């Protein structure tokens, strides 16, 4: 497998919208090539008979039975709210961006 070149890393940085200095580029180039070499070495492993998994250990998710339970009472919720308007809780405006 051929390694990444400085132009490859520049292109990847551009796609990721990263502005890398020349020093950062020279630092990242061998690190990325080491990562790719390690991933390529994983392809050589014999995984015949190994079951696919998403975790290294078995995870058990105990589930409780679904049972109908009483919901919240609107008047009680509105009484706890710092501010209410009619039958709604007033919250601060959140603008992302």
PDB file of N, CA and C in Angstrom:
ATOM      1  N   UNK A   1       0.840  -1.184   0.000  1.00  0.00           N
ATOM      2  CA  UNK A   1       0.000   0.000   0.000  1.00  0.00           C
ATOM      3  C   UNK A   1       0.878   1.238   0.000  1.00  0.00           C
ATOM      4  N   UNK A   2       0.589   2.146  -0.892  1.00  0.00           N
ATOM      5  CA  UNK A   2       1.367   3.384  -0.914  1.00  0.00           C
ATOM      6  C   UNK A   2       0.875   4.292   0.198  1.00  0.00           C
ATOM      7  N   UNK A   3       1.755   5.101   0.724  1.00  0.00           N
ATOM      8  CA  UNK A   3       1.391   6.025   1.797  1.00  0.00           C
ATOM      9  C   UNK A   3       0.789   7.310   1.240  1.00  0.00           C
ATOM     10  N   UNK A   4       0.279   8.088   2.151  1.00  0.00           N
ATOM     11  CA  UNK A   4      -0.254   9.390   1.778  1.00  0.00           C
ATOM     12  C   UNK A   4       0.878  10.343   1.453  1.00  0.00           C
ATOM     13  N   UNK A   5       0.623  11.251   0.542  1.00  0.00           N
ATOM     14  CA  UNK A   5       1.589  12.305   0.235  1.00  0.00           C
ATOM     15  C   UNK A   5       1.140  13.589   0.910  1.00  0.00           C
ATOM     16  N   UNK A   6       2.001  14.588   0.896  1.00  0.00           N
ATOM     17  CA  UNK A   6       1.647  15.887   1.469  1.00  0.00           C
ATOM     18  C   UNK A   6       0.437  16.466   0.743  1.00  0.00           C
ATOM     19  N   UNK A   7       0.340  16.243  -0.578  1.00  0.00           N
ATOM     20  CA  UNK A   7      -0.813  16.736  -1.333  1.00  0.00           C
ATOM     21  C   UNK A   7      -2.102  16.034  -0.890  1.00  0.00           C
ATOM     22  N   UNK A   8      -1.994  14.741  -0.576  1.00  0.00           N
ATOM     23  CA  UNK A   8      -3.170  14.005  -0.080  1.00  0.00           C
ATOM     24  C   UNK A   8      -3.661  14.614   1.237  1.00  0.00           C
ATOM     25  N   UNK A   9      -2.729  14.888   2.135  1.00  0.00           N
ATOM     26  CA  UNK A   9      -3.101  15.444   3.439  1.00  0.00           C
ATOM     27  C   UNK A   9      -3.676  16.846   3.270  1.00  0.00           C
ATOM     28  N   UNK A  10      -3.105  17.635   2.356  1.00  0.00           N
ATOM     29  CA  UNK A  10      -3.654  18.973   2.087  1.00  0.00           C
ATOM     30  C   UNK A  10      -5.086  18.869   1.596  1.00  0.00           C
ATOM     31  N   UNK A  11      -5.345  17.917   0.715  1.00  0.00           N
ATOM     32  CA  UNK A  11      -6.693  17.736   0.163  1.00  0.00           C
ATOM     33  C   UNK A  11      -7.665  17.285   1.253  1.00  0.00           C
ATOM     34  N   UNK A  12      -7.232  16.364   2.093  1.00  0.00           N
ATOM     35  CA  UNK A  12      -8.076  15.901   3.195  1.00  0.00           C
ATOM     36  C   UNK A  12      -8.371  17.060   4.140  1.00  0.00           C
ATOM     37  N   UNK A  13      -7.362  17.865   4.442  1.00  0.00           N
ATOM     38  CA  UNK A  13      -7.553  19.028   5.312  1.00  0.00           C
ATOM     39  C   UNK A  13      -8.524  20.016   4.682  1.00  0.00           C
ATOM     40  N   UNK A  14      -8.410  20.205   3.381  1.00  0.00           N
ATOM     41  CA  UNK A  14      -9.320  21.115   2.678  1.00  0.00           C
ATOM     42  C   UNK A  14     -10.751  20.599   2.763  1.00  0.00           C
ATOM     43  N   UNK A  15     -10.953  19.297   2.559  1.00  0.00           N
ATOM     44  CA  UNK A  15     -12.292  18.720   2.644  1.00  0.00           C
ATOM     45  C   UNK A  15     -12.858  18.845   4.050  1.00  0.00           C
ATOM     46  N   UNK A  16     -11.989  18.766   5.059  1.00  0.00           N
ATOM     47  CA  UNK A  16     -12.416  18.884   6.450  1.00  0.00           C
ATOM     48  C   UNK A  16     -12.466  20.343   6.897  1.00  0.00           C
ATOM     49  N   UNK A  17     -12.164  21.245   5.970  1.00  0.00           N
ATOM     50  CA  UNK A  17     -12.148  22.683   6.255  1.00  0.00           C
ATOM     51  C   UNK A  17     -11.173  23.018   7.389  1.00  0.00           C
ATOM     52  N   UNK A  18      -9.984  22.389   7.316  1.00  0.00           N
ATOM     53  CA  UNK A  18      -8.912  22.656   8.269  1.00  0.00           C
ATOM     54  C   UNK A  18      -7.831  23.462   7.577  1.00  0.00           C
ATOM     55  N   UNK A  19      -7.342  24.462   8.263  1.00  0.00           N
ATOM     56  CA  UNK A  19      -6.249  25.277   7.737  1.00  0.00           C
ATOM     57  C   UNK A  19      -4.973  24.844   8.444  1.00  0.00           C
ATOM     58  N   UNK A  20      -4.220  23.947   7.815  1.00  0.00           N
ATOM     59  CA  UNK A  20      -3.013  23.412   8.434  1.00  0.00           C
ATOM     60  C   UNK A  20      -1.794  24.221   8.022  1.00  0.00           C
ATOM     61  N   UNK A  21      -0.942  24.490   9.004  1.00  0.00           N
ATOM     62  CA  UNK A  21       0.336  25.128   8.684  1.00  0.00           C
ATOM     63  C   UNK A  21       1.258  24.065   8.092  1.00  0.00           C
ATOM     64  N   UNK A  22       2.379  24.518   7.536  1.00  0.00           N
ATOM     65  CA  UNK A  22       3.344  23.572   6.958  1.00  0.00           C
ATOM     66  C   UNK A  22       3.895  22.645   8.045  1.00  0.00           C
ATOM     67  N   UNK A  23       4.092  23.181   9.251  1.00  0.00           N
ATOM     68  CA  UNK A  23       4.602  22.355  10.349  1.00  0.00           C
ATOM     69  C   UNK A  23       3.582  21.302  10.761  1.00  0.00           C
ATOM     70  N   UNK A  24       2.311  21.695  10.823  1.00  0.00           N
ATOM     71  CA  UNK A  24       1.256  20.738  11.175  1.00  0.00           C
ATOM     72  C   UNK A  24       1.145  19.654  10.113  1.00  0.00           C
ATOM     73  N   UNK A  25       1.251  20.054   8.859  1.00  0.00           N
ATOM     74  CA  UNK A  25       1.188  19.102   7.757  1.00  0.00           C
ATOM     75  C   UNK A  25       2.310  18.068   7.874  1.00  0.00           C
ATOM     76  N   UNK A  26       3.522  18.530   8.152  1.00  0.00           N
ATOM     77  CA  UNK A  26       4.664  17.620   8.278  1.00  0.00           C
ATOM     78  C   UNK A  26       4.537  16.718   9.507  1.00  0.00           C
ATOM     79  N   UNK A  27       3.859  17.206  10.547  1.00  0.00           N
ATOM     80  CA  UNK A  27       3.644  16.388  11.743  1.00  0.00           C
ATOM     81  C   UNK A  27       2.568  15.332  11.484  1.00  0.00           C
ATOM     82  N   UNK A  28       1.504  15.702  10.773  1.00  0.00           N
ATOM     83  CA  UNK A  28       0.383  14.793  10.533  1.00  0.00           C
ATOM     84  C   UNK A  28       0.686  13.712   9.506  1.00  0.00           C
ATOM     85  N   UNK A  29       1.504  14.025   8.532  1.00  0.00           N
ATOM     86  CA  UNK A  29       1.762  13.091   7.433  1.00  0.00           C
ATOM     87  C   UNK A  29       2.265  11.735   7.932  1.00  0.00           C
ATOM     88  N   UNK A  30       3.310  11.647   8.741  1.00  0.00           N
ATOM     89  CA  UNK A  30       3.740  10.317   9.207  1.00  0.00           C
ATOM     90  C   UNK A  30       2.721   9.675  10.150  1.00  0.00           C
ATOM     91  N   UNK A  31       2.026  10.487  10.942  1.00  0.00           N
ATOM     92  CA  UNK A  31       1.026   9.934  11.863  1.00  0.00           C
ATOM     93  C   UNK A  31      -0.117   9.269  11.090  1.00  0.00           C
ATOM     94  N   UNK A  32      -0.599   9.947  10.049  1.00  0.00           N
ATOM     95  CA  UNK A  32      -1.684   9.372   9.241  1.00  0.00           C
ATOM     96  C   UNK A  32      -1.205   8.123   8.506  1.00  0.00           C
ATOM     97  N   UNK A  33       0.021   8.148   8.017  1.00  0.00           N
ATOM     98  CA  UNK A  33       0.553   6.959   7.338  1.00  0.00           C
ATOM     99  C   UNK A  33       0.699   5.791   8.307  1.00  0.00           C
ATOM    100  N   UNK A  34       1.097   6.061   9.553  1.00  0.00           N
ATOM    101  CA  UNK A  34       1.176   5.000  10.570  1.00  0.00           C
ATOM    102  C   UNK A  34      -0.202   4.408  10.849  1.00  0.00           C
ATOM    103  N   UNK A  35      -1.220   5.268  10.937  1.00  0.00           N
ATOM    104  CA  UNK A  35      -2.591   4.797  11.182  1.00  0.00           C
ATOM    105  C   UNK A  35      -3.058   3.918  10.029  1.00  0.00           C
ATOM    106  N   UNK A  36      -2.828   4.363   8.807  1.00  0.00           N
ATOM    107  CA  UNK A  36      -3.243   3.576   7.642  1.00  0.00           C
ATOM    108  C   UNK A  36      -2.490   2.245   7.568  1.00  0.00           C
ATOM    109  N   UNK A  37      -1.219   2.250   7.932  1.00  0.00           N
ATOM    110  CA  UNK A  37      -0.450   1.002   7.926  1.00  0.00           C
ATOM    111  C   UNK A  37      -1.008   0.036   8.970  1.00  0.00           C
ATOM    112  N   UNK A  38      -1.378   0.555  10.120  1.00  0.00           N
ATOM    113  CA  UNK A  38      -1.952  -0.308  11.162  1.00  0.00           C
ATOM    114  C   UNK A  38      -3.281  -0.895  10.701  1.00  0.00           C
ATOM    115  N   UNK A  39      -4.129  -0.075  10.100  1.00  0.00           N
ATOM    116  CA  UNK A  39      -5.418  -0.573   9.595  1.00  0.00           C
ATOM    117  C   UNK A  39      -5.188  -1.621   8.520  1.00  0.00           C
ATOM    118  N   UNK A  40      -4.212  -1.396   7.650  1.00  0.00           N
ATOM    119  CA  UNK A  40      -3.901  -2.381   6.602  1.00  0.00           C
ATOM    120  C   UNK A  40      -3.420  -3.691   7.219  1.00  0.00           C
ATOM    121  N   UNK A  41      -2.680  -3.626   8.317  1.00  0.00           N
ATOM    122  CA  UNK A  41      -2.202  -4.857   8.958  1.00  0.00           C
ATOM    123  C   UNK A  41      -3.362  -5.657   9.553  1.00  0.00           C
ATOM    124  N   UNK A  42      -4.437  -4.987   9.924  1.00  0.00           N
ATOM    125  CA  UNK A  42      -5.600  -5.689  10.466  1.00  0.00           C
ATOM    126  C   UNK A  42      -6.263  -6.574   9.408  1.00  0.00           C
ATOM    127  N   UNK A  43      -6.113  -6.202   8.152  1.00  0.00           N
ATOM    128  CA  UNK A  43      -6.694  -7.001   7.068  1.00  0.00           C
ATOM    129  C   UNK A  43      -6.025  -8.362   6.952  1.00  0.00           C
ATOM    130  N   UNK A  44      -4.830  -8.508   7.513  1.00  0.00           N
ATOM    131  CA  UNK A  44      -4.088  -9.770   7.442  1.00  0.00           C
ATOM    132  C   UNK A  44      -4.527 -10.772   8.503  1.00  0.00           C
ATOM    133  N   UNK A  45      -5.329 -10.334   9.467  1.00  0.00           N
ATOM    134  CA  UNK A  45      -5.746 -11.221  10.555  1.00  0.00           C
ATOM    135  C   UNK A  45      -6.711 -12.283  10.060  1.00  0.00           C
ATOM    136  N   UNK A  46      -6.584 -13.479  10.602  1.00  0.00           N
ATOM    137  CA  UNK A  46      -7.508 -14.561  10.285  1.00  0.00           C
ATOM    138  C   UNK A  46      -8.682 -14.478  11.265  1.00  0.00           C
ATOM    139  N   UNK A  47      -9.827 -14.079  10.760  1.00  0.00           N
ATOM    140  CA  UNK A  47     -11.008 -13.922  11.617  1.00  0.00           C
ATOM    141  C   UNK A  47     -12.067 -14.977  11.289  1.00  0.00           C
ATOM    142  N   UNK A  48     -11.646 -16.039  10.652  1.00  0.00           N
ATOM    143  CA  UNK A  48     -12.588 -17.116  10.350  1.00  0.00           C
ATOM    144  C   UNK A  48     -13.115 -17.682  11.660  1.00  0.00           C
ATOM    145  N   UNK A  49     -14.403 -17.804  11.762  1.00  0.00           N
ATOM    146  CA  UNK A  49     -15.022 -18.358  12.954  1.00  0.00           C
ATOM    147  C   UNK A  49     -15.231 -17.348  14.069  1.00  0.00           C
ATOM    148  N   UNK A  50     -14.835 -16.113  13.856  1.00  0.00           N
ATOM    149  CA  UNK A  50     -15.041 -15.085  14.880  1.00  0.00           C
ATOM    150  C   UNK A  50     -16.370 -14.387  14.588  1.00  0.00           C
ATOM    151  N   UNK A  51     -17.245 -14.403  15.571  1.00  0.00           N
ATOM    152  CA  UNK A  51     -18.554 -13.771  15.394  1.00  0.00           C
ATOM    153  C   UNK A  51     -18.411 -12.249  15.423  1.00  0.00           C
ATOM    154  N   UNK A  52     -19.126 -11.558  14.540  1.00  0.00           N
ATOM    155  CA  UNK A  52     -19.097 -10.094  14.579  1.00  0.00           C
ATOM    156  C   UNK A  52     -19.701  -9.591  15.890  1.00  0.00           C
ATOM    157  N   UNK A  53     -19.174  -8.499  16.376  1.00  0.00           N
ATOM    158  CA  UNK A  53     -19.715  -7.913  17.600  1.00  0.00           C
ATOM    159  C   UNK A  53     -19.530  -6.402  17.562  1.00  0.00           C
ATOM    160  N   UNK A  54     -20.320  -5.726  18.359  1.00  0.00           N
ATOM    161  CA  UNK A  54     -20.181  -4.280  18.450  1.00  0.00           C
ATOM    162  C   UNK A  54     -19.480  -3.876  19.731  1.00  0.00           C
ATOM    163  N   UNK A  55     -19.277  -4.836  20.651  1.00  0.00           N
ATOM    164  CA  UNK A  55     -18.603  -4.570  21.914  1.00  0.00           C
ATOM    165  C   UNK A  55     -17.670  -5.726  22.252  1.00  0.00           C
ATOM    166  N   UNK A  56     -16.659  -5.437  23.036  1.00  0.00           N
ATOM    167  CA  UNK A  56     -15.719  -6.468  23.453  1.00  0.00           C
ATOM    168  C   UNK A  56     -16.289  -7.399  24.505  1.00  0.00           C
ATOM    169  N   UNK A  57     -17.329  -6.952  25.187  1.00  0.00           N
ATOM    170  CA  UNK A  57     -17.973  -7.779  26.209  1.00  0.00           C
ATOM    171  C   UNK A  57     -19.473  -7.811  25.920  1.00  0.00           C
ATOM    172  N   UNK A  58     -20.139  -8.836  26.410  1.00  0.00           N
ATOM    173  CA  UNK A  58     -21.586  -8.908  26.231  1.00  0.00           C
ATOM    174  C   UNK A  58     -22.260  -7.863  27.110  1.00  0.00           C
ATOM    175  N   UNK A  59     -23.130  -7.090  26.493  1.00  0.00           N
ATOM    176  CA  UNK A  59     -23.880  -6.098  27.245  1.00  0.00           C
ATOM    177  C   UNK A  59     -25.317  -6.574  27.367  1.00  0.00           C
ATOM    178  N   UNK A  60     -25.791  -6.610  28.569  1.00  0.00           N
ATOM    179  CA  UNK A  60     -27.171  -6.999  28.798  1.00  0.00           C
ATOM    180  C   UNK A  60     -27.975  -5.758  29.129  1.00  0.00           C
ATOM    181  N   UNK A  61     -29.079  -5.620  28.474  1.00  0.00           N
ATOM    182  CA  UNK A  61     -29.948  -4.472  28.701  1.00  0.00           C
ATOM    183  C   UNK A  61     -31.241  -4.970  29.324  1.00  0.00           C
ATOM    184  N   UNK A  62     -31.282  -5.059  30.651  1.00  0.00           N
ATOM    185  CA  UNK A  62     -32.523  -5.525  31.266  1.00  0.00           C
ATOM    186  C   UNK A  62     -33.648  -4.538  30.991  1.00  0.00           C
ATOM    187  N   UNK A  63     -34.755  -5.060  30.547  1.00  0.00           N
ATOM    188  CA  UNK A  63     -35.895  -4.221  30.225  1.00  0.00           C
ATOM    189  C   UNK A  63     -36.994  -4.438  31.250  1.00  0.00           C
ATOM    190  N   UNK A  64     -37.640  -3.367  31.605  1.00  0.00           N
ATOM    191  CA  UNK A  64     -38.783  -3.495  32.492  1.00  0.00           C
ATOM    192  C   UNK A  64     -40.016  -3.725  31.624  1.00  0.00           C
ATOM    193  N   UNK A  65     -41.018  -4.358  32.156  1.00  0.00           N
ATOM    194  CA  UNK A  65     -42.227  -4.567  31.356  1.00  0.00           C
ATOM    195  C   UNK A  65     -42.937  -3.232  31.108  1.00  0.00           C
ATOM    196  N   UNK A  66     -43.512  -3.113  29.939  1.00  0.00           N
ATOM    197  CA  UNK A  66     -44.295  -1.916  29.630  1.00  0.00           C
ATOM    198  C   UNK A  66     -45.612  -1.979  30.386  1.00  0.00           C
ATOM    199  N   UNK A  67     -45.813  -1.002  31.230  1.00  0.00           N
ATOM    200  CA  UNK A  67     -47.071  -0.938  31.972  1.00  0.00           C
ATOM    201  C   UNK A  67     -47.611   0.481  31.876  1.00  0.00           C
ATOM    202  N   UNK A  68     -48.904   0.582  31.819  1.00  0.00           N
ATOM    203  CA  UNK A  68     -49.553   1.891  31.768  1.00  0.00           C
ATOM    204  C   UNK A  68     -49.442   2.524  33.144  1.00  0.00           C
ATOM    205  N   UNK A  69     -48.965   3.759  33.176  1.00  0.00           N
ATOM    206  CA  UNK A  69     -48.846   4.490  34.427  1.00  0.00           C
ATOM    207  C   UNK A  69     -49.501   5.852  34.249  1.00  0.00           C
ATOM    208  N   UNK A  70     -49.949   6.440  35.332  1.00  0.00           N
ATOM    209  CA  UNK A  70     -50.580   7.751  35.194  1.00  0.00           C
ATOM    210  C   UNK A  70     -49.576   8.789  34.702  1.00  0.00           C
ATOM    211  N   UNK A  71     -50.030   9.695  33.866  1.00  0.00           N
ATOM    212  CA  UNK A  71     -49.176  10.749  33.337  1.00  0.00           C
ATOM    213  C   UNK A  71     -49.147  11.946  34.266  1.00  0.00           C
ATOM    214  N   UNK A  72     -48.515  12.993  33.781  1.00  0.00           N
ATOM    215  CA  UNK A  72     -48.425  14.214  34.573  1.00  0.00           C
ATOM    216  C   UNK A  72     -49.746  14.969  34.526  1.00  0.00           C
ATOM    217  N   UNK A  73     -50.038  15.649  35.599  1.00  0.00           N
ATOM    218  CA  UNK A  73     -51.249  16.480  35.645  1.00  0.00           C
ATOM    219  C   UNK A  73     -50.838  17.881  35.214  1.00  0.00           C
ATOM    220  N   UNK A  74     -51.520  18.394  34.187  1.00  0.00           N
ATOM    221  CA  UNK A  74     -51.128  19.656  33.576  1.00  0.00           C
ATOM    222  C   UNK A  74     -51.072  20.793  34.592  1.00  0.00           C
ATOM    223  N   UNK A  75     -52.032  20.885  35.460  1.00  0.00           N
ATOM    224  CA  UNK A  75     -52.060  21.983  36.430  1.00  0.00           C
ATOM    225  C   UNK A  75     -50.853  21.907  37.371  1.00  0.00           C
ATOM    226  N   UNK A  76     -50.466  20.693  37.762  1.00  0.00           N
ATOM    227  CA  UNK A  76     -49.330  20.530  38.662  1.00  0.00           C
ATOM    228  C   UNK A  76     -48.028  20.925  37.972  1.00  0.00           C
ATOM    229  N   UNK A  77     -47.880  20.563  36.704  1.00  0.00           N
ATOM    230  CA  UNK A  77     -46.675  20.921  35.956  1.00  0.00           C
ATOM    231  C   UNK A  77     -46.600  22.429  35.795  1.00  0.00           C
ATOM    232  N   UNK A  78     -47.702  23.064  35.430  1.00  0.00           N
ATOM    233  CA  UNK A  78     -47.707  24.515  35.239  1.00  0.00           C
ATOM    234  C   UNK A  78     -47.435  25.241  36.549  1.00  0.00           C
ATOM    235  N   UNK A  79     -47.864  24.676  37.659  1.00  0.00           N
ATOM    236  CA  UNK A  79     -47.615  25.293  38.964  1.00  0.00           C
ATOM    237  C   UNK A  79     -46.129  25.251  39.303  1.00  0.00           C
ATOM    238  N   UNK A  80     -45.390  24.252  38.808  1.00  0.00           N
ATOM    239  CA  UNK A  80     -43.955  24.135  39.076  1.00  0.00           C
ATOM    240  C   UNK A  80     -43.102  24.972  38.125  1.00  0.00           C
ATOM    241  N   UNK A  81     -43.678  25.387  36.992  1.00  0.00           N
ATOM    242  CA  UNK A  81     -42.918  26.115  35.978  1.00  0.00           C
ATOM    243  C   UNK A  81     -42.608  27.529  36.467  1.00  0.00           C
ATOM    244  N   UNK A  82     -41.406  28.038  36.150  1.00  0.00           N
ATOM    245  CA  UNK A  82     -41.075  29.408  36.531  1.00  0.00           C
ATOM    246  C   UNK A  82     -42.012  30.435  35.890  1.00  0.00           C
ATOM    247  N   UNK A  83     -42.476  30.112  34.677  1.00  0.00           N
ATOM    248  CA  UNK A  83     -43.393  31.019  33.979  1.00  0.00           C
ATOM    249  C   UNK A  83     -44.315  30.185  33.087  1.00  0.00           C
ATOM    250  N   UNK A  84     -45.577  30.505  33.125  1.00  0.00           N
ATOM    251  CA  UNK A  84     -46.556  29.801  32.294  1.00  0.00           C
ATOM    252  C   UNK A  84     -47.429  30.826  31.596  1.00  0.00           C
ATOM    253  N   UNK A  85     -47.917  30.422  30.432  1.00  0.00           N
ATOM    254  CA  UNK A  85     -48.825  31.284  29.666  1.00  0.00           C
ATOM    255  C   UNK A  85     -49.950  30.396  29.167  1.00  0.00           C
ATOM    256  N   UNK A  86     -51.122  30.558  29.733  1.00  0.00           N
ATOM    257  CA  UNK A  86     -52.232  29.685  29.390  1.00  0.00           C
ATOM    258  C   UNK A  86     -51.905  28.277  29.825  1.00  0.00           C
ATOM    259  N   UNK A  87     -51.963  27.326  28.898  1.00  0.00           N
ATOM    260  CA  UNK A  87     -51.666  25.939  29.239  1.00  0.00           C
ATOM    261  C   UNK A  87     -50.256  25.518  28.808  1.00  0.00           C
ATOM    262  N   UNK A  88     -49.370  26.497  28.599  1.00  0.00           N
ATOM    263  CA  UNK A  88     -48.009  26.227  28.140  1.00  0.00           C
ATOM    264  C   UNK A  88     -46.967  26.741  29.116  1.00  0.00           C
ATOM    265  N   UNK A  89     -45.814  26.064  29.157  1.00  0.00           N
ATOM    266  CA  UNK A  89     -44.672  26.530  29.939  1.00  0.00           C
ATOM    267  C   UNK A  89     -43.862  27.464  29.049  1.00  0.00           C
ATOM    268  N   UNK A  90     -43.508  28.636  29.556  1.00  0.00           N
ATOM    269  CA  UNK A  90     -42.719  29.595  28.795  1.00  0.00           C
ATOM    270  C   UNK A  90     -41.240  29.308  29.060  1.00  0.00           C
ATOM    271  N   UNK A  91     -40.484  29.170  27.961  1.00  0.00           N
ATOM    272  CA  UNK A  91     -39.058  28.901  28.071  1.00  0.00           C
ATOM    273  C   UNK A  91     -38.294  29.986  27.314  1.00  0.00           C
ATOM    274  N   UNK A  92     -37.015  30.197  27.637  1.00  0.00           N
ATOM    275  CA  UNK A  92     -36.235  31.199  26.917  1.00  0.00           C
ATOM    276  C   UNK A  92     -36.048  30.796  25.448  1.00  0.00           C
ATOM    277  N   UNK A  93     -36.000  31.802  24.584  1.00  0.00           N
ATOM    278  CA  UNK A  93     -35.776  31.546  23.163  1.00  0.00           C
ATOM    279  C   UNK A  93     -34.336  31.080  22.964  1.00  0.00           C
ATOM    280  N   UNK A  94     -34.176  30.000  22.193  1.00  0.00           N
ATOM    281  CA  UNK A  94     -32.841  29.469  21.905  1.00  0.00           C
ATOM    282  C   UNK A  94     -32.623  29.574  20.400  1.00  0.00           C
ATOM    283  N   UNK A  95     -31.566  30.296  20.036  1.00  0.00           N
ATOM    284  CA  UNK A  95     -31.239  30.448  18.615  1.00  0.00           C
ATOM    285  C   UNK A  95     -29.852  29.879  18.398  1.00  0.00           C
ATOM    286  N   UNK A  96     -29.759  28.872  17.574  1.00  0.00           N
ATOM    287  CA  UNK A  96     -28.463  28.246  17.281  1.00  0.00           C
ATOM    288  C   UNK A  96     -27.786  29.001  16.137  1.00  0.00           C
ATOM    289  N   UNK A  97     -26.494  29.023  16.189  1.00  0.00           N
ATOM    290  CA  UNK A  97     -25.791  29.573  15.050  1.00  0.00           C
ATOM    291  C   UNK A  97     -24.858  30.608  15.451  1.00  0.00           C
TER     292      UNK A  97
END
